[in-house]
Amino acid sequence: MINVLCVTPVDQEHQKLFNDIENVNIRFIDRSTVSDEDIRSAEVILGNLPLSRLENCPDLKWLQLDSAGANTYKDLPEQVVLTNASGAYGTAISEHMIGCVLMVMKNLANYMEIQQKHDFINLGSVNTLTSSTVLSVGMGDIGSSFAKKMNALGARVCGVRRSVHDVPDYVEGMYTMDSMDEILPECDVVALSLPETEETVHLFDEARLRKIKKGAILVNVGRGTAIVTEDLLRVMKDGHFSGVCLDVTDPEPLPKNHPLWNMEHVYLTPHISGRFNAAVTFDKVLQIFHDNLKLYAEGKPLQNVVDKSIGY
């Protein structure tokens, strides 16, 4: 019998999803109340526990995360298989990204301020998606979902990934990290959905930020460390971007006295584009749990295995 511990909150109705899996003893215990003994006796853990709590877990063979991001778990012992929930978050986060782009492009935040003053003012001309070049930096589930939807809305879409091994039909051109500077001056929208790796930390410093077309929109929903925060502040003081939408920051959470809070045309959300705020995301995470646990119980290879040497 496989001893499975699920620390992601799952109500009784959703727990029934796992009833068809044989040879498992699965316990559902919220991560806020789970004991060290519960953790020590688990062969499989579903959900994100702090890495420090896994140090005394001699029987652990597999950790299934409920997040797509996995970089903080890359120091797990070599014998522990690590899998993530990639594929669960693209739907919700890509919609958040589109909302951010349209909010800035159509001056909606500024019109809300005008409404509060009870004024009736036309702010003038705006751009359209059909005349925009959009760059999706990161073409995993989230970046690909965003790129596909922006293409469907009429934008010219390009992508950036580690290696160019194929170009989907909804993407006009694909670039690597080393070659993306070629396309940045043409971009009206640059959207980041990158994991945190040695290659992506501080990828967008002042020099690269300034290579993006002046007046463009910058969106980041991946990891805050992809952008050098102090460099972004300098660029924004010059009014380089028409809007910067950050669901992630560096540091995170952002200190209450940090200048980003009050920077004009910077729009901050508290890392909420994903999580379980959308029911569809939670359902997809549980389906990944279920499908992988069934594979594990049958001795078959798991899906979404993370390369711990790079963190995704």
Protein backbone atom coordinates (compact mmCIF):
# COMPACT_ATOMS: atom_id res chain seq x y z
CA MET A 1 0.00 0.00 0.00
CA ILE A 2 1.37 3.41 -1.01
CA ASN A 3 1.19 5.99 1.78
CA VAL A 4 0.06 9.26 0.19
CA LEU A 5 -0.28 12.62 1.94
CA CYS A 6 -2.21 15.44 0.27
CA VAL A 7 -1.56 18.81 1.91
CA THR A 8 -3.39 20.90 -0.70
CA PRO A 9 -6.87 21.73 0.68
CA VAL A 10 -9.36 19.39 -0.99
CA ASP A 11 -13.00 19.26 0.08
CA GLN A 12 -14.80 15.95 0.54
CA GLU A 13 -16.58 16.17 -2.79
CA HIS A 14 -13.32 16.58 -4.71
CA GLN A 15 -11.65 13.84 -2.66
CA LYS A 16 -13.93 11.37 -4.43
CA LEU A 17 -11.91 11.96 -7.61
CA PHE A 18 -9.23 9.64 -6.19
CA ASN A 19 -11.54 6.73 -5.34
CA ASP A 20 -10.68 4.84 -8.53
CA ILE A 21 -6.96 4.54 -7.71
CA GLU A 22 -6.00 1.20 -6.19
CA ASN A 23 -3.23 0.35 -3.73
CA VAL A 24 -3.04 3.82 -2.19
CA ASN A 25 -3.77 5.05 1.31
CA ILE A 26 -4.36 8.76 0.81
CA ARG A 27 -4.80 11.18 3.69
CA PHE A 28 -6.02 14.74 3.17
CA ILE A 29 -4.49 17.04 5.79
CA ASP A 30 -4.25 20.81 5.32
CA ARG A 31 -0.65 21.99 5.11
CA SER A 32 -1.29 24.43 7.97
CA THR A 33 -2.09 21.61 10.40
CA VAL A 34 -0.05 18.66 9.09
CA SER A 35 2.29 17.14 11.68
CA ASP A 36 5.92 16.13 11.29
CA GLU A 37 4.89 12.51 11.85
CA ASP A 38 2.39 12.69 9.00
CA ILE A 39 5.14 13.99 6.74
CA ARG A 40 7.76 11.46 7.87
CA SER A 41 5.53 8.51 7.07
CA ALA A 42 4.65 9.61 3.53
CA GLU A 43 6.00 7.98 0.39
CA VAL A 44 4.16 10.46 -1.80
CA ILE A 45 3.22 14.07 -1.00
CA LEU A 46 0.74 16.02 -3.08
CA GLY A 47 1.04 19.78 -2.56
CA ASN A 48 3.62 22.36 -1.59
CA LEU A 49 5.26 22.00 1.80
CA PRO A 50 8.26 24.14 2.78
CA LEU A 51 11.47 22.41 1.77
CA SER A 52 12.64 22.56 5.39
CA ARG A 53 9.76 20.31 6.48
CA LEU A 54 10.82 17.59 4.04
CA GLU A 55 14.30 17.14 5.48
CA ASN A 56 13.24 14.31 7.82
CA CYS A 57 11.14 12.34 5.38
CA PRO A 58 13.11 9.12 4.79
CA ASP A 59 10.43 7.33 2.77
CA LEU A 60 9.62 10.17 0.38
CA LYS A 61 9.95 9.06 -3.23
CA TRP A 62 7.83 11.61 -5.07
CA LEU A 63 6.67 15.19 -4.45
CA GLN A 64 3.87 16.52 -6.66
CA LEU A 65 3.56 20.31 -6.46
CA ASP A 66 0.30 22.21 -6.87
CA SER A 67 2.23 25.06 -8.51
CA ALA A 68 3.85 25.39 -11.91
CA GLY A 69 6.89 27.07 -10.36
CA ALA A 70 9.31 24.58 -8.85
CA ASN A 71 12.63 26.41 -8.47
CA THR A 72 12.54 26.45 -4.65
CA TYR A 73 12.45 22.63 -4.64
CA LYS A 74 15.44 21.94 -6.87
CA ASP A 75 17.54 21.00 -3.82
CA LEU A 76 15.40 17.98 -3.00
CA PRO A 77 17.42 14.76 -2.60
CA GLU A 78 18.35 13.16 -5.88
CA GLN A 79 16.20 10.08 -5.27
CA VAL A 80 13.00 12.15 -4.84
CA VAL A 81 11.09 12.67 -8.10
CA LEU A 82 9.67 16.19 -8.40
CA THR A 83 6.66 17.01 -10.58
CA ASN A 84 4.78 20.27 -11.00
CA ALA A 85 1.31 21.41 -12.05
CA SER A 86 2.27 22.89 -15.38
CA GLY A 87 -0.77 22.97 -17.62
CA ALA A 88 -3.18 24.03 -14.89
CA TYR A 89 -2.57 27.76 -14.88
CA GLY A 90 -2.50 28.86 -18.52
CA THR A 91 -6.22 29.52 -18.82
CA ALA A 92 -6.60 31.85 -15.84
CA ILE A 93 -3.25 33.63 -16.02
CA SER A 94 -3.42 34.32 -19.75
CA GLU A 95 -6.83 35.96 -19.24
CA HIS A 96 -5.34 38.11 -16.49
CA MET A 97 -2.56 39.13 -18.87
CA ILE A 98 -5.01 40.11 -21.60
CA GLY A 99 -6.99 42.14 -19.06
CA CYS A 100 -3.83 44.00 -18.08
CA VAL A 101 -2.92 44.75 -21.69
CA LEU A 102 -6.38 46.07 -22.55
CA MET A 103 -6.60 48.11 -19.35
CA VAL A 104 -3.44 50.01 -20.31
CA MET A 105 -4.02 50.10 -24.07
CA LYS A 106 -7.55 51.51 -23.72
CA ASN A 107 -6.71 53.93 -20.84
CA LEU A 108 -9.23 52.22 -18.57
CA ALA A 109 -7.32 52.91 -15.34
CA ASN A 110 -7.09 56.58 -16.25
CA TYR A 111 -10.79 56.71 -17.06
CA MET A 112 -11.55 55.26 -13.61
CA GLU A 113 -9.63 58.15 -12.07
CA ILE A 114 -11.62 60.57 -14.22
CA GLN A 115 -14.84 58.94 -13.05
CA GLN A 116 -13.88 59.51 -9.42
CA LYS A 117 -13.52 63.22 -10.22
CA HIS A 118 -16.92 63.20 -11.99
CA ASP A 119 -15.27 64.55 -15.13
CA PHE A 120 -16.20 63.88 -18.76
CA ILE A 121 -12.90 63.88 -20.67
CA ASN A 122 -11.75 62.11 -23.82
CA LEU A 123 -8.15 61.01 -23.39
CA GLY A 124 -7.65 60.67 -27.11
CA SER A 125 -6.35 58.04 -29.48
CA VAL A 126 -5.51 54.48 -28.42
CA ASN A 127 -3.78 51.53 -30.04
CA THR A 128 -5.52 48.29 -31.07
CA LEU A 129 -4.48 44.68 -30.78
CA THR A 130 -4.84 44.25 -34.52
CA SER A 131 -2.06 46.81 -35.07
CA SER A 132 0.17 45.53 -32.25
CA THR A 133 3.22 43.31 -32.11
CA VAL A 134 3.15 41.13 -28.99
CA LEU A 135 6.13 39.22 -27.61
CA SER A 136 5.51 36.33 -25.23
CA VAL A 137 8.75 35.76 -23.33
CA GLY A 138 8.38 32.21 -22.10
CA MET A 139 6.39 29.73 -24.16
CA GLY A 140 5.32 27.20 -21.59
CA ASP A 141 1.65 26.61 -20.82
CA ILE A 142 1.06 30.19 -19.63
CA GLY A 143 3.00 31.99 -22.35
CA SER A 144 1.60 29.76 -25.09
CA SER A 145 -1.98 30.29 -23.86
CA PHE A 146 -1.43 34.05 -23.90
CA ALA A 147 0.17 33.97 -27.35
CA LYS A 148 -2.65 31.87 -28.80
CA LYS A 149 -5.34 34.20 -27.44
CA MET A 150 -3.56 37.35 -28.58
CA ASN A 151 -3.22 35.85 -32.05
CA ALA A 152 -6.94 35.06 -32.06
CA LEU A 153 -7.62 38.71 -31.17
CA GLY A 154 -5.67 39.82 -34.22
CA ALA A 155 -2.23 40.72 -32.87
CA ARG A 156 1.04 39.84 -34.55
CA VAL A 157 2.59 37.45 -32.03
CA CYS A 158 6.18 36.31 -31.52
CA GLY A 159 7.62 34.09 -28.82
CA VAL A 160 10.82 33.51 -26.86
CA ARG A 161 11.96 30.13 -25.57
CA ARG A 162 15.26 28.49 -24.67
CA SER A 163 15.58 26.78 -28.04
CA VAL A 164 13.68 27.13 -31.30
CA HIS A 165 12.54 23.60 -32.06
CA ASP A 166 9.16 24.43 -33.54
CA VAL A 167 7.00 27.45 -34.34
CA PRO A 168 3.27 27.08 -33.60
CA ASP A 169 0.88 28.36 -36.23
CA TYR A 170 -0.32 31.15 -33.91
CA VAL A 171 3.22 32.57 -33.64
CA GLU A 172 4.85 34.48 -36.49
CA GLY A 173 8.43 34.14 -35.24
CA MET A 174 10.30 32.40 -32.44
CA TYR A 175 13.41 33.74 -30.75
CA THR A 176 15.86 32.50 -28.15
CA MET A 177 16.98 34.41 -25.06
CA ASP A 178 20.11 35.39 -26.97
CA SER A 179 18.31 36.65 -30.06
CA MET A 180 15.20 38.34 -28.64
CA ASP A 181 16.85 41.79 -28.65
CA GLU A 182 16.24 41.76 -32.41
CA ILE A 183 12.48 41.92 -31.97
CA LEU A 184 12.18 44.08 -28.81
CA PRO A 185 12.27 47.44 -30.67
CA GLU A 186 9.18 46.35 -32.63
CA CYS A 187 7.11 45.26 -29.64
CA ASP A 188 4.00 47.07 -28.43
CA VAL A 189 3.50 44.45 -25.70
CA VAL A 190 6.14 42.36 -23.92
CA ALA A 191 4.72 39.71 -21.58
CA LEU A 192 6.93 37.66 -19.26
CA SER A 193 5.87 34.26 -17.92
CA LEU A 194 9.31 32.88 -17.09
CA PRO A 195 10.32 30.44 -14.37
CA GLU A 196 13.17 31.48 -12.09
CA THR A 197 16.46 30.00 -13.28
CA GLU A 198 20.04 31.19 -13.51
CA GLU A 199 19.29 32.16 -17.10
CA THR A 200 16.21 34.25 -16.33
CA VAL A 201 17.23 36.13 -13.16
CA HIS A 202 17.71 39.81 -14.07
CA LEU A 203 17.18 39.02 -17.73
CA PHE A 204 15.53 42.42 -18.14
CA ASP A 205 18.02 44.97 -16.91
CA GLU A 206 18.00 48.65 -17.84
CA ALA A 207 19.71 48.10 -21.19
CA ARG A 208 17.20 45.46 -22.30
CA LEU A 209 14.20 47.36 -20.95
CA ARG A 210 15.20 50.36 -23.04
CA LYS A 211 15.44 48.21 -26.16
CA ILE A 212 11.68 47.71 -25.99
CA LYS A 213 9.73 50.23 -28.07
CA LYS A 214 8.99 53.44 -26.20
CA GLY A 215 5.33 53.55 -25.17
CA ALA A 216 5.03 49.75 -25.03
CA ILE A 217 3.24 47.74 -22.33
CA LEU A 218 5.23 45.42 -20.07
CA VAL A 219 3.53 42.56 -18.20
CA ASN A 220 5.16 40.13 -15.77
CA VAL A 221 3.33 37.12 -14.31
CA GLY A 222 6.27 34.71 -14.00
CA ARG A 223 8.86 35.60 -11.39
CA GLY A 224 9.69 39.08 -10.17
CA THR A 225 13.41 38.39 -10.42
CA ALA A 226 13.22 38.42 -14.23
CA ILE A 227 13.26 42.24 -14.00
CA VAL A 228 15.87 44.32 -12.17
CA THR A 229 13.53 46.40 -10.04
CA GLU A 230 15.84 49.38 -9.57
CA ASP A 231 16.45 49.50 -13.31
CA LEU A 232 12.71 49.42 -13.98
CA LEU A 233 12.23 52.39 -11.66
CA ARG A 234 14.81 54.39 -13.58
CA VAL A 235 13.22 53.52 -16.90
CA MET A 236 9.73 54.39 -15.64
CA LYS A 237 10.91 57.78 -14.36
CA ASP A 238 11.71 58.58 -17.98
CA GLY A 239 8.19 57.55 -19.03
CA HIS A 240 9.51 54.80 -21.29
CA PHE A 241 6.48 52.48 -20.95
CA SER A 242 2.83 53.42 -21.29
CA GLY A 243 2.11 50.87 -18.59
CA VAL A 244 3.80 48.16 -16.53
CA CYS A 245 1.60 45.46 -15.02
CA LEU A 246 3.30 43.35 -12.37
CA ASP A 247 1.66 40.39 -10.69
CA VAL A 248 5.09 39.44 -9.34
CA THR A 249 7.81 41.66 -7.93
CA ASP A 250 11.33 41.55 -6.55
CA PRO A 251 11.23 41.66 -3.59
CA GLU A 252 7.93 39.92 -2.93
CA PRO A 253 5.84 40.88 -1.09
CA LEU A 254 6.78 44.45 -1.98
CA PRO A 255 7.54 46.52 1.15
CA LYS A 256 4.86 49.11 1.91
CA ASN A 257 7.34 51.97 1.47
CA HIS A 258 8.70 50.76 -1.87
CA PRO A 259 8.61 53.42 -4.62
CA LEU A 260 6.97 51.02 -7.11
CA TRP A 261 3.66 51.39 -5.26
CA ASN A 262 3.36 55.05 -6.23
CA MET A 263 5.10 54.96 -9.61
CA GLU A 264 2.87 56.41 -12.31
CA HIS A 265 1.62 53.86 -14.87
CA VAL A 266 2.76 50.90 -12.76
CA TYR A 267 -0.09 48.54 -11.87
CA LEU A 268 0.51 45.97 -9.14
CA THR A 269 -1.44 42.88 -8.17
CA PRO A 270 -0.43 40.57 -5.27
CA HIS A 271 0.59 37.43 -7.22
CA ILE A 272 -3.05 36.48 -7.80
CA SER A 273 -3.22 35.84 -11.53
CA GLY A 274 -2.87 32.14 -10.79
CA ARG A 275 -3.33 30.45 -7.41
CA PHE A 276 -6.74 28.81 -7.04
CA ASN A 277 -8.72 32.02 -7.54
CA ALA A 278 -10.30 30.48 -10.66
CA ALA A 279 -12.19 27.23 -10.09
CA VAL A 280 -10.93 25.85 -13.39
CA THR A 281 -7.35 26.11 -12.11
CA PHE A 282 -8.13 24.11 -8.97
CA ASP A 283 -9.94 21.46 -11.01
CA LYS A 284 -6.98 21.13 -13.38
CA VAL A 285 -4.49 20.84 -10.51
CA LEU A 286 -6.53 18.04 -8.94
CA GLN A 287 -6.76 16.27 -12.30
CA ILE A 288 -2.97 16.42 -12.58
CA PHE A 289 -2.73 15.00 -9.03
CA HIS A 290 -5.13 12.21 -9.92
CA ASP A 291 -3.58 11.27 -13.26
CA ASN A 292 -0.03 11.25 -11.91
CA LEU A 293 -0.97 9.31 -8.80
CA LYS A 294 -2.67 6.67 -10.95
CA LEU A 295 0.48 6.42 -13.08
CA TYR A 296 2.61 6.09 -9.94
CA ALA A 297 0.39 3.37 -8.49
CA GLU A 298 0.66 1.47 -11.77
CA GLY A 299 4.44 1.85 -11.87
CA LYS A 300 4.34 4.01 -15.01
CA PRO A 301 6.40 7.15 -15.82
CA LEU A 302 5.05 10.36 -14.35
CA GLN A 303 4.03 13.49 -16.23
CA ASN A 304 5.40 17.00 -15.57
CA VAL A 305 8.71 15.77 -14.15
CA VAL A 306 10.90 18.73 -13.18
CA ASP A 307 14.58 18.80 -14.09
CA LYS A 308 15.93 19.78 -10.67
CA SER A 309 19.20 20.93 -12.18
CA ILE A 310 17.41 23.90 -13.78
CA GLY A 311 14.24 24.13 -11.69
CA TYR A 312 11.50 23.43 -14.24
